[in-house]
Amino acid sequence: MKARTAWRYLGRPIVAAWLVVSILFLLTRAVSNNTSFIQATLEADSRLQLAEREQLTQQLLHRSGLDRPLFYVSFHPITGWQWQGIHNQYHAWASRLLHADLGLSYRSQNPVSELLVEALRYTLPLTVLAALLSLGLGLGVATGLHLTSPPRRTAVLTALQALQAAPLFLIATGLLLLFANPDFLDWFPSFGLGTEEETTAWWQLPGRQLYYLALPVFSLVLVSTPPLIIQLDGALQQELQQLYVVTARAKGASQRQVIWRHALRNAFLPTLTLLSELLPNLVAGAVVVEVLFALPGMGRLLAEAAATQDHPVLLGGVVLIVVTRVVAQLLADGAYRLADPRIRL
């Protein structure tokens, strides 16, 4: 029974994540022409002759392992299916991945892991701050809706549902036009994290960082908070009709005490599913926000990798997002058991 529980708790998410990453690897390699990509890069150097380009192309393909078959088996119209053995691109990539080696960037020849770590220095503060603000704002607004009048609660929920339907790039663009526009309200910077030439004391760096991250963080919060509030509000609405709440009110508990001491813990259980998706969705949303606000981080790194067909960097970013999602699901399962010990995996 323990082995079966361990498989459901750890095995299934890991296998699912591996399948997703493997399919993306095979698709990106199958639909791209690496030879044409390398030749187009070499043609930018006019000093290379045609014969030298051909020779250098083969050397680069061999060094990157791109001259090998893609998978263990391949299909040819004449000979049919053929077994290629372990000397293929997928086996080499999977072996490196199991050793936490994401390979080298085609463009810069730097390790992908180093590029991702450097990008996460800017993406993590953005996403973690947005996640904390979304959680705090979601709890505060959802509980406050049951302490206000019904017409006001209905108006707030209607506005949240309209906000939930808006895409992230539209909300971020609207914030730029409203609060980073010299012709309207020039309150915040429109891009970047400030120039490197600016001399700032160490104790001023956190405030300066928050100033430049205000609009990007607010964009992510406006997208991620409405689902949390709507879900938690519906769960609270249902819990407030249960018999234990009637008993608490009969003992003289106020509406605020009923919500925070009794109903919120049970109502929070369905919301844990949304919380497990919060951080992965924020990491994915940071790609859009960082490109729009010209922030250094995962967004710019993946956008540049997509423009230059730098597949190792793209796959490294996908692996990071998938691992984040799996870890978030495991943490959500643990949080379920902490919130309600009756739950068994």
C-alpha atoms as a PDB file:
ATOM      1  CA  MET A   1       0.000   0.000   0.000  1.00  0.00           C
ATOM      2  CA  LYS A   2       2.873   2.362   0.767  1.00  0.00           C
ATOM      3  CA  ALA A   3       4.483   1.668  -2.618  1.00  0.00           C
ATOM      4  CA  ARG A   4       1.191   2.405  -4.368  1.00  0.00           C
ATOM      5  CA  THR A   5       0.793   5.651  -2.412  1.00  0.00           C
ATOM      6  CA  ALA A   6       4.372   6.675  -3.229  1.00  0.00           C
ATOM      7  CA  TRP A   7       3.698   6.014  -6.916  1.00  0.00           C
ATOM      8  CA  ARG A   8       0.554   8.149  -6.891  1.00  0.00           C
ATOM      9  CA  TYR A   9       2.191  10.899  -4.852  1.00  0.00           C
ATOM     10  CA  LEU A  10       5.597  11.083  -6.584  1.00  0.00           C
ATOM     11  CA  GLY A  11       5.734   8.705  -9.530  1.00  0.00           C
ATOM     12  CA  ARG A  12       2.822   9.927 -11.613  1.00  0.00           C
ATOM     13  CA  PRO A  13       3.719  13.648 -11.567  1.00  0.00           C
ATOM     14  CA  ILE A  14       7.360  12.909 -12.383  1.00  0.00           C
ATOM     15  CA  VAL A  15       6.456  10.557 -15.256  1.00  0.00           C
ATOM     16  CA  ALA A  16       3.940  13.073 -16.615  1.00  0.00           C
ATOM     17  CA  ALA A  17       6.511  15.877 -16.462  1.00  0.00           C
ATOM     18  CA  TRP A  18       9.098  13.693 -18.213  1.00  0.00           C
ATOM     19  CA  LEU A  19       6.655  12.837 -21.003  1.00  0.00           C
ATOM     20  CA  VAL A  20       5.753  16.498 -21.538  1.00  0.00           C
ATOM     21  CA  VAL A  21       9.386  17.593 -21.751  1.00  0.00           C
ATOM     22  CA  SER A  22      10.313  14.640 -23.989  1.00  0.00           C
ATOM     23  CA  ILE A  23       7.496  15.363 -26.440  1.00  0.00           C
ATOM     24  CA  LEU A  24       8.508  19.019 -26.614  1.00  0.00           C
ATOM     25  CA  PHE A  25      12.129  18.018 -27.243  1.00  0.00           C
ATOM     26  CA  LEU A  26      11.178  15.678 -30.081  1.00  0.00           C
ATOM     27  CA  LEU A  27       8.791  18.204 -31.631  1.00  0.00           C
ATOM     28  CA  THR A  28      11.269  21.082 -31.578  1.00  0.00           C
ATOM     29  CA  ARG A  29      14.025  18.961 -33.093  1.00  0.00           C
ATOM     30  CA  ALA A  30      11.726  17.345 -35.675  1.00  0.00           C
ATOM     31  CA  VAL A  31      10.264  20.575 -37.092  1.00  0.00           C
ATOM     32  CA  SER A  32      13.527  22.567 -37.176  1.00  0.00           C
ATOM     33  CA  ASN A  33      16.308  22.399 -39.751  1.00  0.00           C
ATOM     34  CA  ASN A  34      19.492  22.786 -37.756  1.00  0.00           C
ATOM     35  CA  THR A  35      21.727  22.691 -40.837  1.00  0.00           C
ATOM     36  CA  SER A  36      19.942  25.661 -42.407  1.00  0.00           C
ATOM     37  CA  PHE A  37      20.024  27.529 -39.096  1.00  0.00           C
ATOM     38  CA  ILE A  38      23.798  27.101 -38.700  1.00  0.00           C
ATOM     39  CA  GLN A  39      24.474  27.956 -42.342  1.00  0.00           C
ATOM     40  CA  ALA A  40      22.367  31.110 -42.069  1.00  0.00           C
ATOM     41  CA  THR A  41      24.376  32.105 -38.994  1.00  0.00           C
ATOM     42  CA  LEU A  42      27.684  31.495 -40.766  1.00  0.00           C
ATOM     43  CA  GLU A  43      26.613  33.420 -43.875  1.00  0.00           C
ATOM     44  CA  ALA A  44      26.638  36.585 -41.776  1.00  0.00           C
ATOM     45  CA  ASP A  45      30.442  36.306 -41.808  1.00  0.00           C
ATOM     46  CA  SER A  46      31.449  37.286 -45.343  1.00  0.00           C
ATOM     47  CA  ARG A  47      35.064  36.238 -44.722  1.00  0.00           C
ATOM     48  CA  LEU A  48      34.146  32.549 -44.881  1.00  0.00           C
ATOM     49  CA  GLN A  49      34.243  30.857 -48.252  1.00  0.00           C
ATOM     50  CA  LEU A  50      31.529  28.410 -49.322  1.00  0.00           C
ATOM     51  CA  ALA A  51      33.726  25.341 -48.732  1.00  0.00           C
ATOM     52  CA  GLU A  52      34.745  26.641 -45.326  1.00  0.00           C
ATOM     53  CA  ARG A  53      31.093  27.196 -44.380  1.00  0.00           C
ATOM     54  CA  GLU A  54      30.187  23.638 -45.339  1.00  0.00           C
ATOM     55  CA  GLN A  55      33.076  22.212 -43.326  1.00  0.00           C
ATOM     56  CA  LEU A  56      32.365  24.410 -40.324  1.00  0.00           C
ATOM     57  CA  THR A  57      28.659  23.509 -40.484  1.00  0.00           C
ATOM     58  CA  GLN A  58      29.471  19.806 -40.241  1.00  0.00           C
ATOM     59  CA  GLN A  59      31.860  20.436 -37.371  1.00  0.00           C
ATOM     60  CA  LEU A  60      29.248  22.416 -35.433  1.00  0.00           C
ATOM     61  CA  LEU A  61      26.587  19.776 -36.084  1.00  0.00           C
ATOM     62  CA  HIS A  62      28.918  17.032 -34.843  1.00  0.00           C
ATOM     63  CA  ARG A  63      29.975  19.012 -31.774  1.00  0.00           C
ATOM     64  CA  SER A  64      26.339  19.632 -30.833  1.00  0.00           C
ATOM     65  CA  GLY A  65      25.323  16.050 -31.603  1.00  0.00           C
ATOM     66  CA  LEU A  66      22.831  17.232 -34.240  1.00  0.00           C
ATOM     67  CA  ASP A  67      24.216  14.884 -36.902  1.00  0.00           C
ATOM     68  CA  ARG A  68      22.858  11.868 -34.989  1.00  0.00           C
ATOM     69  CA  PRO A  69      19.402  10.300 -35.508  1.00  0.00           C
ATOM     70  CA  LEU A  70      16.652  11.970 -33.513  1.00  0.00           C
ATOM     71  CA  PHE A  71      15.215   8.942 -31.654  1.00  0.00           C
ATOM     72  CA  TYR A  72      15.817   5.261 -31.027  1.00  0.00           C
ATOM     73  CA  VAL A  73      13.792   4.333 -34.099  1.00  0.00           C
ATOM     74  CA  SER A  74      13.316   6.192 -37.378  1.00  0.00           C
ATOM     75  CA  PHE A  75      11.195   5.696 -40.457  1.00  0.00           C
ATOM     76  CA  HIS A  76      12.414   5.829 -44.036  1.00  0.00           C
ATOM     77  CA  PRO A  77      10.038   5.529 -47.002  1.00  0.00           C
ATOM     78  CA  ILE A  78      12.267   2.915 -48.668  1.00  0.00           C
ATOM     79  CA  THR A  79      13.658   0.830 -45.823  1.00  0.00           C
ATOM     80  CA  GLY A  80      10.790   1.358 -43.329  1.00  0.00           C
ATOM     81  CA  TRP A  81      11.360   1.410 -39.575  1.00  0.00           C
ATOM     82  CA  GLN A  82      14.974   1.142 -38.416  1.00  0.00           C
ATOM     83  CA  TRP A  83      16.520   0.771 -34.977  1.00  0.00           C
ATOM     84  CA  GLN A  84      19.118   3.502 -34.379  1.00  0.00           C
ATOM     85  CA  GLY A  85      20.451   2.346 -31.014  1.00  0.00           C
ATOM     86  CA  ILE A  86      21.368   4.606 -28.135  1.00  0.00           C
ATOM     87  CA  HIS A  87      23.521   6.934 -30.250  1.00  0.00           C
ATOM     88  CA  ASN A  88      20.741   9.390 -30.908  1.00  0.00           C
ATOM     89  CA  GLN A  89      19.888  12.967 -29.924  1.00  0.00           C
ATOM     90  CA  TYR A  90      17.136  12.063 -27.469  1.00  0.00           C
ATOM     91  CA  HIS A  91      19.255   9.564 -25.524  1.00  0.00           C
ATOM     92  CA  ALA A  92      22.131  12.039 -25.226  1.00  0.00           C
ATOM     93  CA  TRP A  93      19.784  14.823 -24.110  1.00  0.00           C
ATOM     94  CA  ALA A  94      17.948  12.596 -21.596  1.00  0.00           C
ATOM     95  CA  SER A  95      21.227  11.329 -20.134  1.00  0.00           C
ATOM     96  CA  ARG A  96      22.469  14.868 -19.606  1.00  0.00           C
ATOM     97  CA  LEU A  97      19.136  15.921 -18.140  1.00  0.00           C
ATOM     98  CA  LEU A  98      19.259  13.115 -15.559  1.00  0.00           C
ATOM     99  CA  HIS A  99      22.602  14.546 -14.455  1.00  0.00           C
ATOM    100  CA  ALA A 100      21.091  18.072 -14.223  1.00  0.00           C
ATOM    101  CA  ASP A 101      22.936  19.130 -17.386  1.00  0.00           C
ATOM    102  CA  LEU A 102      20.725  21.218 -19.678  1.00  0.00           C
ATOM    103  CA  GLY A 103      23.380  21.528 -22.371  1.00  0.00           C
ATOM    104  CA  LEU A 104      24.957  24.559 -24.022  1.00  0.00           C
ATOM    105  CA  SER A 105      23.313  27.497 -25.699  1.00  0.00           C
ATOM    106  CA  TYR A 106      23.633  27.459 -29.482  1.00  0.00           C
ATOM    107  CA  ARG A 107      24.047  31.224 -29.546  1.00  0.00           C
ATOM    108  CA  SER A 108      26.492  31.954 -26.726  1.00  0.00           C
ATOM    109  CA  GLN A 109      27.892  28.469 -25.992  1.00  0.00           C
ATOM    110  CA  ASN A 110      27.297  29.122 -22.293  1.00  0.00           C
ATOM    111  CA  PRO A 111      25.726  26.447 -20.061  1.00  0.00           C
ATOM    112  CA  VAL A 112      21.948  26.755 -20.095  1.00  0.00           C
ATOM    113  CA  SER A 113      21.779  26.272 -16.328  1.00  0.00           C
ATOM    114  CA  GLU A 114      23.973  29.349 -15.801  1.00  0.00           C
ATOM    115  CA  LEU A 115      21.786  31.421 -18.123  1.00  0.00           C
ATOM    116  CA  LEU A 116      18.639  30.322 -16.275  1.00  0.00           C
ATOM    117  CA  VAL A 117      20.151  31.045 -12.850  1.00  0.00           C
ATOM    118  CA  GLU A 118      21.159  34.516 -14.020  1.00  0.00           C
ATOM    119  CA  ALA A 119      17.657  35.149 -15.390  1.00  0.00           C
ATOM    120  CA  LEU A 120      15.997  33.878 -12.200  1.00  0.00           C
ATOM    121  CA  ARG A 121      17.772  36.597 -10.218  1.00  0.00           C
ATOM    122  CA  TYR A 122      15.263  38.997 -11.750  1.00  0.00           C
ATOM    123  CA  THR A 123      12.273  36.695 -12.308  1.00  0.00           C
ATOM    124  CA  LEU A 124      12.057  35.235  -8.795  1.00  0.00           C
ATOM    125  CA  PRO A 125      11.554  38.566  -6.976  1.00  0.00           C
ATOM    126  CA  LEU A 126       8.876  39.448  -9.515  1.00  0.00           C
ATOM    127  CA  THR A 127       6.942  36.184  -9.212  1.00  0.00           C
ATOM    128  CA  VAL A 128       7.352  35.655  -5.457  1.00  0.00           C
ATOM    129  CA  LEU A 129       6.223  39.199  -4.687  1.00  0.00           C
ATOM    130  CA  ALA A 130       3.235  38.807  -7.023  1.00  0.00           C
ATOM    131  CA  ALA A 131       2.321  35.469  -5.425  1.00  0.00           C
ATOM    132  CA  LEU A 132       2.424  36.866  -1.873  1.00  0.00           C
ATOM    133  CA  LEU A 133       0.388  39.922  -2.820  1.00  0.00           C
ATOM    134  CA  SER A 134      -2.150  37.787  -4.709  1.00  0.00           C
ATOM    135  CA  LEU A 135      -2.606  35.456  -1.751  1.00  0.00           C
ATOM    136  CA  GLY A 136      -2.946  38.274   0.779  1.00  0.00           C
ATOM    137  CA  LEU A 137      -5.263  40.309  -1.415  1.00  0.00           C
ATOM    138  CA  GLY A 138      -7.351  37.235  -2.239  1.00  0.00           C
ATOM    139  CA  LEU A 139      -7.873  36.364   1.418  1.00  0.00           C
ATOM    140  CA  GLY A 140      -8.625  39.932   2.404  1.00  0.00           C
ATOM    141  CA  VAL A 141     -11.112  40.679  -0.366  1.00  0.00           C
ATOM    142  CA  ALA A 142     -12.866  37.280  -0.253  1.00  0.00           C
ATOM    143  CA  THR A 143     -13.496  37.509   3.482  1.00  0.00           C
ATOM    144  CA  GLY A 144     -14.355  41.205   3.294  1.00  0.00           C
ATOM    145  CA  LEU A 145     -17.084  40.513   0.725  1.00  0.00           C
ATOM    146  CA  HIS A 146     -19.052  38.653   3.405  1.00  0.00           C
ATOM    147  CA  LEU A 147     -18.754  41.600   5.785  1.00  0.00           C
ATOM    148  CA  THR A 148     -20.248  44.150   3.389  1.00  0.00           C
ATOM    149  CA  SER A 149     -23.683  44.726   1.886  1.00  0.00           C
ATOM    150  CA  PRO A 150     -25.020  42.340  -0.800  1.00  0.00           C
ATOM    151  CA  PRO A 151     -25.201  45.021  -3.574  1.00  0.00           C
ATOM    152  CA  ARG A 152     -21.587  46.001  -2.998  1.00  0.00           C
ATOM    153  CA  ARG A 153     -20.531  42.344  -2.955  1.00  0.00           C
ATOM    154  CA  THR A 154     -22.329  41.744  -6.265  1.00  0.00           C
ATOM    155  CA  ALA A 155     -20.666  44.782  -7.856  1.00  0.00           C
ATOM    156  CA  VAL A 156     -17.188  43.673  -6.752  1.00  0.00           C
ATOM    157  CA  LEU A 157     -17.715  40.111  -8.020  1.00  0.00           C
ATOM    158  CA  THR A 158     -18.943  41.430 -11.379  1.00  0.00           C
ATOM    159  CA  ALA A 159     -15.840  43.590 -11.729  1.00  0.00           C
ATOM    160  CA  LEU A 160     -13.599  40.652 -10.787  1.00  0.00           C
ATOM    161  CA  GLN A 161     -15.228  38.398 -13.374  1.00  0.00           C
ATOM    162  CA  ALA A 162     -14.700  41.042 -16.052  1.00  0.00           C
ATOM    163  CA  LEU A 163     -11.079  41.423 -14.965  1.00  0.00           C
ATOM    164  CA  GLN A 164     -10.596  37.657 -15.041  1.00  0.00           C
ATOM    165  CA  ALA A 165     -11.612  37.579 -18.708  1.00  0.00           C
ATOM    166  CA  ALA A 166      -8.958  40.140 -19.735  1.00  0.00           C
ATOM    167  CA  PRO A 167      -5.636  38.748 -21.054  1.00  0.00           C
ATOM    168  CA  LEU A 168      -2.388  39.588 -19.317  1.00  0.00           C
ATOM    169  CA  PHE A 169      -0.852  41.607 -22.155  1.00  0.00           C
ATOM    170  CA  LEU A 170      -3.967  43.810 -22.318  1.00  0.00           C
ATOM    171  CA  ILE A 171      -3.872  44.554 -18.588  1.00  0.00           C
ATOM    172  CA  ALA A 172      -0.123  45.263 -18.645  1.00  0.00           C
ATOM    173  CA  THR A 173      -0.467  47.533 -21.676  1.00  0.00           C
ATOM    174  CA  GLY A 174      -3.322  49.403 -19.996  1.00  0.00           C
ATOM    175  CA  LEU A 175      -1.213  49.986 -16.886  1.00  0.00           C
ATOM    176  CA  LEU A 176       1.611  51.303 -19.062  1.00  0.00           C
ATOM    177  CA  LEU A 177      -0.704  53.757 -20.806  1.00  0.00           C
ATOM    178  CA  LEU A 178      -2.260  54.891 -17.527  1.00  0.00           C
ATOM    179  CA  PHE A 179       0.649  55.151 -15.101  1.00  0.00           C
ATOM    180  CA  ALA A 180       3.815  55.318 -17.239  1.00  0.00           C
ATOM    181  CA  ASN A 181       2.605  57.795 -19.844  1.00  0.00           C
ATOM    182  CA  PRO A 182       4.094  61.319 -19.891  1.00  0.00           C
ATOM    183  CA  ASP A 183       0.872  62.534 -21.499  1.00  0.00           C
ATOM    184  CA  PHE A 184      -1.309  61.185 -18.668  1.00  0.00           C
ATOM    185  CA  LEU A 185       0.217  59.950 -15.380  1.00  0.00           C
ATOM    186  CA  ASP A 186       3.982  59.601 -15.389  1.00  0.00           C
ATOM    187  CA  TRP A 187       4.221  57.911 -12.005  1.00  0.00           C
ATOM    188  CA  PHE A 188       6.286  54.803 -12.799  1.00  0.00           C
ATOM    189  CA  PRO A 189       9.032  53.887 -15.267  1.00  0.00           C
ATOM    190  CA  SER A 190       7.862  52.219 -18.453  1.00  0.00           C
ATOM    191  CA  PHE A 191      10.694  49.737 -18.894  1.00  0.00           C
ATOM    192  CA  GLY A 192      13.880  48.329 -17.418  1.00  0.00           C
ATOM    193  CA  LEU A 193      15.332  48.353 -13.933  1.00  0.00           C
ATOM    194  CA  GLY A 194      17.183  51.639 -14.183  1.00  0.00           C
ATOM    195  CA  THR A 195      20.479  52.497 -15.778  1.00  0.00           C
ATOM    196  CA  GLU A 196      23.657  50.960 -14.469  1.00  0.00           C
ATOM    197  CA  GLU A 197      25.259  54.404 -14.270  1.00  0.00           C
ATOM    198  CA  GLU A 198      22.944  55.443 -11.455  1.00  0.00           C
ATOM    199  CA  THR A 199      24.728  55.475  -8.106  1.00  0.00           C
ATOM    200  CA  THR A 200      22.436  54.188  -5.393  1.00  0.00           C
ATOM    201  CA  ALA A 201      23.295  53.419  -1.789  1.00  0.00           C
ATOM    202  CA  TRP A 202      22.834  49.811  -0.719  1.00  0.00           C
ATOM    203  CA  TRP A 203      19.999  50.696   1.644  1.00  0.00           C
ATOM    204  CA  GLN A 204      18.118  52.363  -1.228  1.00  0.00           C
ATOM    205  CA  LEU A 205      18.325  49.371  -3.589  1.00  0.00           C
ATOM    206  CA  PRO A 206      15.183  47.522  -2.310  1.00  0.00           C
ATOM    207  CA  GLY A 207      13.015  50.608  -2.683  1.00  0.00           C
ATOM    208  CA  ARG A 208      14.434  51.337  -6.125  1.00  0.00           C
ATOM    209  CA  GLN A 209      13.813  47.734  -7.164  1.00  0.00           C
ATOM    210  CA  LEU A 210      10.211  47.886  -5.960  1.00  0.00           C
ATOM    211  CA  TYR A 211       9.702  51.157  -7.813  1.00  0.00           C
ATOM    212  CA  TYR A 212      10.695  49.621 -11.132  1.00  0.00           C
ATOM    213  CA  LEU A 213       8.792  46.378 -10.443  1.00  0.00           C
ATOM    214  CA  ALA A 214       5.559  48.080  -9.365  1.00  0.00           C
ATOM    215  CA  LEU A 215       3.699  47.917 -12.692  1.00  0.00           C
ATOM    216  CA  PRO A 216       4.936  44.403 -13.674  1.00  0.00           C
ATOM    217  CA  VAL A 217       3.970  43.021 -10.250  1.00  0.00           C
ATOM    218  CA  PHE A 218       0.605  44.777 -10.313  1.00  0.00           C
ATOM    219  CA  SER A 219      -0.073  43.322 -13.777  1.00  0.00           C
ATOM    220  CA  LEU A 220       0.489  39.776 -12.503  1.00  0.00           C
ATOM    221  CA  VAL A 221      -1.561  40.432  -9.367  1.00  0.00           C
ATOM    222  CA  LEU A 222      -4.531  41.716 -11.368  1.00  0.00           C
ATOM    223  CA  VAL A 223      -4.508  38.534 -13.458  1.00  0.00           C
ATOM    224  CA  SER A 224      -3.947  35.970 -10.689  1.00  0.00           C
ATOM    225  CA  THR A 225      -6.090  37.412  -7.879  1.00  0.00           C
ATOM    226  CA  PRO A 226      -9.656  37.346  -9.370  1.00  0.00           C
ATOM    227  CA  PRO A 227      -9.830  33.521  -9.687  1.00  0.00           C
ATOM    228  CA  LEU A 228      -8.677  33.143  -6.076  1.00  0.00           C
ATOM    229  CA  ILE A 229     -11.258  35.618  -4.794  1.00  0.00           C
ATOM    230  CA  ILE A 230     -14.139  34.146  -6.805  1.00  0.00           C
ATOM    231  CA  GLN A 231     -13.284  30.580  -5.763  1.00  0.00           C
ATOM    232  CA  LEU A 232     -12.824  31.415  -2.095  1.00  0.00           C
ATOM    233  CA  ASP A 233     -15.972  33.553  -2.047  1.00  0.00           C
ATOM    234  CA  GLY A 234     -18.063  30.692  -3.441  1.00  0.00           C
ATOM    235  CA  ALA A 235     -16.585  28.240  -0.950  1.00  0.00           C
ATOM    236  CA  LEU A 236     -17.232  30.618   1.937  1.00  0.00           C
ATOM    237  CA  GLN A 237     -20.799  31.147   0.746  1.00  0.00           C
ATOM    238  CA  GLN A 238     -21.372  27.413   0.955  1.00  0.00           C
ATOM    239  CA  GLU A 239     -19.635  26.948   4.306  1.00  0.00           C
ATOM    240  CA  LEU A 240     -21.572  29.774   5.949  1.00  0.00           C
ATOM    241  CA  GLN A 241     -24.758  27.764   5.422  1.00  0.00           C
ATOM    242  CA  GLN A 242     -23.494  24.692   7.316  1.00  0.00           C
ATOM    243  CA  LEU A 243     -24.823  23.647  10.714  1.00  0.00           C
ATOM    244  CA  TYR A 244     -21.562  24.261  12.597  1.00  0.00           C
ATOM    245  CA  VAL A 245     -21.721  27.902  11.505  1.00  0.00           C
ATOM    246  CA  VAL A 246     -25.304  28.151  12.779  1.00  0.00           C
ATOM    247  CA  THR A 247     -24.096  26.738  16.090  1.00  0.00           C
ATOM    248  CA  ALA A 248     -21.243  29.248  16.277  1.00  0.00           C
ATOM    249  CA  ARG A 249     -23.626  32.114  15.643  1.00  0.00           C
ATOM    250  CA  ALA A 250     -26.015  30.788  18.293  1.00  0.00           C
ATOM    251  CA  LYS A 251     -23.139  30.943  20.798  1.00  0.00           C
ATOM    252  CA  GLY A 252     -22.732  34.646  20.082  1.00  0.00           C
ATOM    253  CA  ALA A 253     -19.887  34.667  17.560  1.00  0.00           C
ATOM    254  CA  SER A 254     -19.782  37.679  15.234  1.00  0.00           C
ATOM    255  CA  GLN A 255     -19.682  37.391  11.459  1.00  0.00           C
ATOM    256  CA  ARG A 256     -15.938  38.115  11.403  1.00  0.00           C
ATOM    257  CA  GLN A 257     -15.271  35.465  14.062  1.00  0.00           C
ATOM    258  CA  VAL A 258     -17.409  32.931  12.221  1.00  0.00           C
ATOM    259  CA  ILE A 259     -15.446  33.487   9.005  1.00  0.00           C
ATOM    260  CA  TRP A 260     -11.908  33.509  10.384  1.00  0.00           C
ATOM    261  CA  ARG A 261     -12.265  30.944  13.189  1.00  0.00           C
ATOM    262  CA  HIS A 262     -14.651  28.443  11.657  1.00  0.00           C
ATOM    263  CA  ALA A 263     -15.576  28.742   7.973  1.00  0.00           C
ATOM    264  CA  LEU A 264     -12.314  29.876   6.381  1.00  0.00           C
ATOM    265  CA  ARG A 265     -10.343  26.703   7.065  1.00  0.00           C
ATOM    266  CA  ASN A 266     -12.907  24.465   5.384  1.00  0.00           C
ATOM    267  CA  ALA A 267     -13.541  26.942   2.574  1.00  0.00           C
ATOM    268  CA  PHE A 268      -9.820  27.167   1.870  1.00  0.00           C
ATOM    269  CA  LEU A 269      -9.563  23.503   0.837  1.00  0.00           C
ATOM    270  CA  PRO A 270     -10.942  23.926  -2.718  1.00  0.00           C
ATOM    271  CA  THR A 271      -8.776  27.030  -3.167  1.00  0.00           C
ATOM    272  CA  LEU A 272      -5.602  25.010  -2.585  1.00  0.00           C
ATOM    273  CA  THR A 273      -5.976  23.623  -6.099  1.00  0.00           C
ATOM    274  CA  LEU A 274      -5.781  27.139  -7.528  1.00  0.00           C
ATOM    275  CA  LEU A 275      -2.846  27.969  -5.262  1.00  0.00           C
ATOM    276  CA  SER A 276      -0.928  24.984  -6.644  1.00  0.00           C
ATOM    277  CA  GLU A 277      -1.221  26.590 -10.074  1.00  0.00           C
ATOM    278  CA  LEU A 278      -0.440  30.114  -8.876  1.00  0.00           C
ATOM    279  CA  LEU A 279       3.369  30.054  -8.923  1.00  0.00           C
ATOM    280  CA  PRO A 280       3.727  28.126 -12.234  1.00  0.00           C
ATOM    281  CA  ASN A 281       1.220  30.466 -13.886  1.00  0.00           C
ATOM    282  CA  LEU A 282       3.107  33.481 -12.554  1.00  0.00           C
ATOM    283  CA  VAL A 283       6.383  32.106 -13.937  1.00  0.00           C
ATOM    284  CA  ALA A 284       4.724  31.661 -17.327  1.00  0.00           C
ATOM    285  CA  GLY A 285       3.084  35.080 -17.091  1.00  0.00           C
ATOM    286  CA  ALA A 286       6.436  36.654 -16.242  1.00  0.00           C
ATOM    287  CA  VAL A 287       7.538  35.848 -19.788  1.00  0.00           C
ATOM    288  CA  VAL A 288       4.892  38.225 -21.170  1.00  0.00           C
ATOM    289  CA  VAL A 289       5.446  40.898 -18.540  1.00  0.00           C
ATOM    290  CA  GLU A 290       9.235  40.922 -18.820  1.00  0.00           C
ATOM    291  CA  VAL A 291       9.118  41.258 -22.589  1.00  0.00           C
ATOM    292  CA  LEU A 292       6.565  44.076 -22.406  1.00  0.00           C
ATOM    293  CA  PHE A 293       8.410  46.009 -19.676  1.00  0.00           C
ATOM    294  CA  ALA A 294      11.895  45.168 -21.048  1.00  0.00           C
ATOM    295  CA  LEU A 295      13.006  43.487 -17.831  1.00  0.00           C
ATOM    296  CA  PRO A 296      16.008  41.166 -17.728  1.00  0.00           C
ATOM    297  CA  GLY A 297      14.849  37.703 -16.754  1.00  0.00           C
ATOM    298  CA  MET A 298      13.252  34.510 -18.008  1.00  0.00           C
ATOM    299  CA  GLY A 299      10.955  36.394 -20.375  1.00  0.00           C
ATOM    300  CA  ARG A 300      13.689  38.142 -22.317  1.00  0.00           C
ATOM    301  CA  LEU A 301      15.883  35.032 -22.272  1.00  0.00           C
ATOM    302  CA  LEU A 302      13.163  32.777 -23.709  1.00  0.00           C
ATOM    303  CA  ALA A 303      12.004  35.399 -26.220  1.00  0.00           C
ATOM    304  CA  GLU A 304      15.536  35.814 -27.566  1.00  0.00           C
ATOM    305  CA  ALA A 305      15.998  32.041 -27.609  1.00  0.00           C
ATOM    306  CA  ALA A 306      12.797  31.607 -29.619  1.00  0.00           C
ATOM    307  CA  ALA A 307      13.836  34.310 -32.107  1.00  0.00           C
ATOM    308  CA  THR A 308      17.233  32.688 -32.663  1.00  0.00           C
ATOM    309  CA  GLN A 309      16.057  29.039 -32.506  1.00  0.00           C
ATOM    310  CA  ASP A 310      18.207  28.415 -29.440  1.00  0.00           C
ATOM    311  CA  HIS A 311      16.492  25.140 -28.570  1.00  0.00           C
ATOM    312  CA  PRO A 312      18.558  24.172 -25.482  1.00  0.00           C
ATOM    313  CA  VAL A 313      17.620  27.436 -23.760  1.00  0.00           C
ATOM    314  CA  LEU A 314      13.956  27.050 -24.724  1.00  0.00           C
ATOM    315  CA  LEU A 315      13.832  23.480 -23.427  1.00  0.00           C
ATOM    316  CA  GLY A 316      15.656  24.518 -20.263  1.00  0.00           C
ATOM    317  CA  GLY A 317      12.977  27.127 -19.589  1.00  0.00           C
ATOM    318  CA  VAL A 318      10.229  24.576 -20.228  1.00  0.00           C
ATOM    319  CA  VAL A 319      11.904  22.094 -17.875  1.00  0.00           C
ATOM    320  CA  LEU A 320      12.050  24.766 -15.187  1.00  0.00           C
ATOM    321  CA  ILE A 321       8.333  25.595 -15.571  1.00  0.00           C
ATOM    322  CA  VAL A 322       7.336  21.911 -15.563  1.00  0.00           C
ATOM    323  CA  VAL A 323       9.418  21.199 -12.454  1.00  0.00           C
ATOM    324  CA  THR A 324       7.848  24.213 -10.744  1.00  0.00           C
ATOM    325  CA  ARG A 325       4.393  22.898 -11.563  1.00  0.00           C
ATOM    326  CA  VAL A 326       5.183  19.405 -10.226  1.00  0.00           C
ATOM    327  CA  VAL A 327       6.650  20.818  -7.010  1.00  0.00           C
ATOM    328  CA  ALA A 328       3.601  23.051  -6.590  1.00  0.00           C
ATOM    329  CA  GLN A 329       1.285  20.053  -6.961  1.00  0.00           C
ATOM    330  CA  LEU A 330       3.237  18.087  -4.357  1.00  0.00           C
ATOM    331  CA  LEU A 331       3.130  21.043  -1.962  1.00  0.00           C
ATOM    332  CA  ALA A 332      -0.619  21.351  -2.538  1.00  0.00           C
ATOM    333  CA  ASP A 333      -1.105  17.676  -1.631  1.00  0.00           C
ATOM    334  CA  GLY A 334       0.831  18.233   1.568  1.00  0.00           C
ATOM    335  CA  ALA A 335      -1.167  21.364   2.327  1.00  0.00           C
ATOM    336  CA  TYR A 336      -4.408  19.403   1.891  1.00  0.00           C
ATOM    337  CA  ARG A 337      -3.341  16.975   4.589  1.00  0.00           C
ATOM    338  CA  LEU A 338      -2.287  19.783   6.923  1.00  0.00           C
ATOM    339  CA  ALA A 339      -5.560  21.635   6.431  1.00  0.00           C
ATOM    340  CA  ASP A 340      -7.692  18.530   6.891  1.00  0.00           C
ATOM    341  CA  PRO A 341      -6.045  15.471   8.525  1.00  0.00           C
ATOM    342  CA  ARG A 342      -8.995  13.340   7.382  1.00  0.00           C
ATOM    343  CA  ILE A 343      -7.744  13.532   3.782  1.00  0.00           C
ATOM    344  CA  ARG A 344      -5.737  10.500   2.698  1.00  0.00           C
ATOM    345  CA  LEU A 345      -3.699  10.269  -0.462  1.00  0.00           C
END
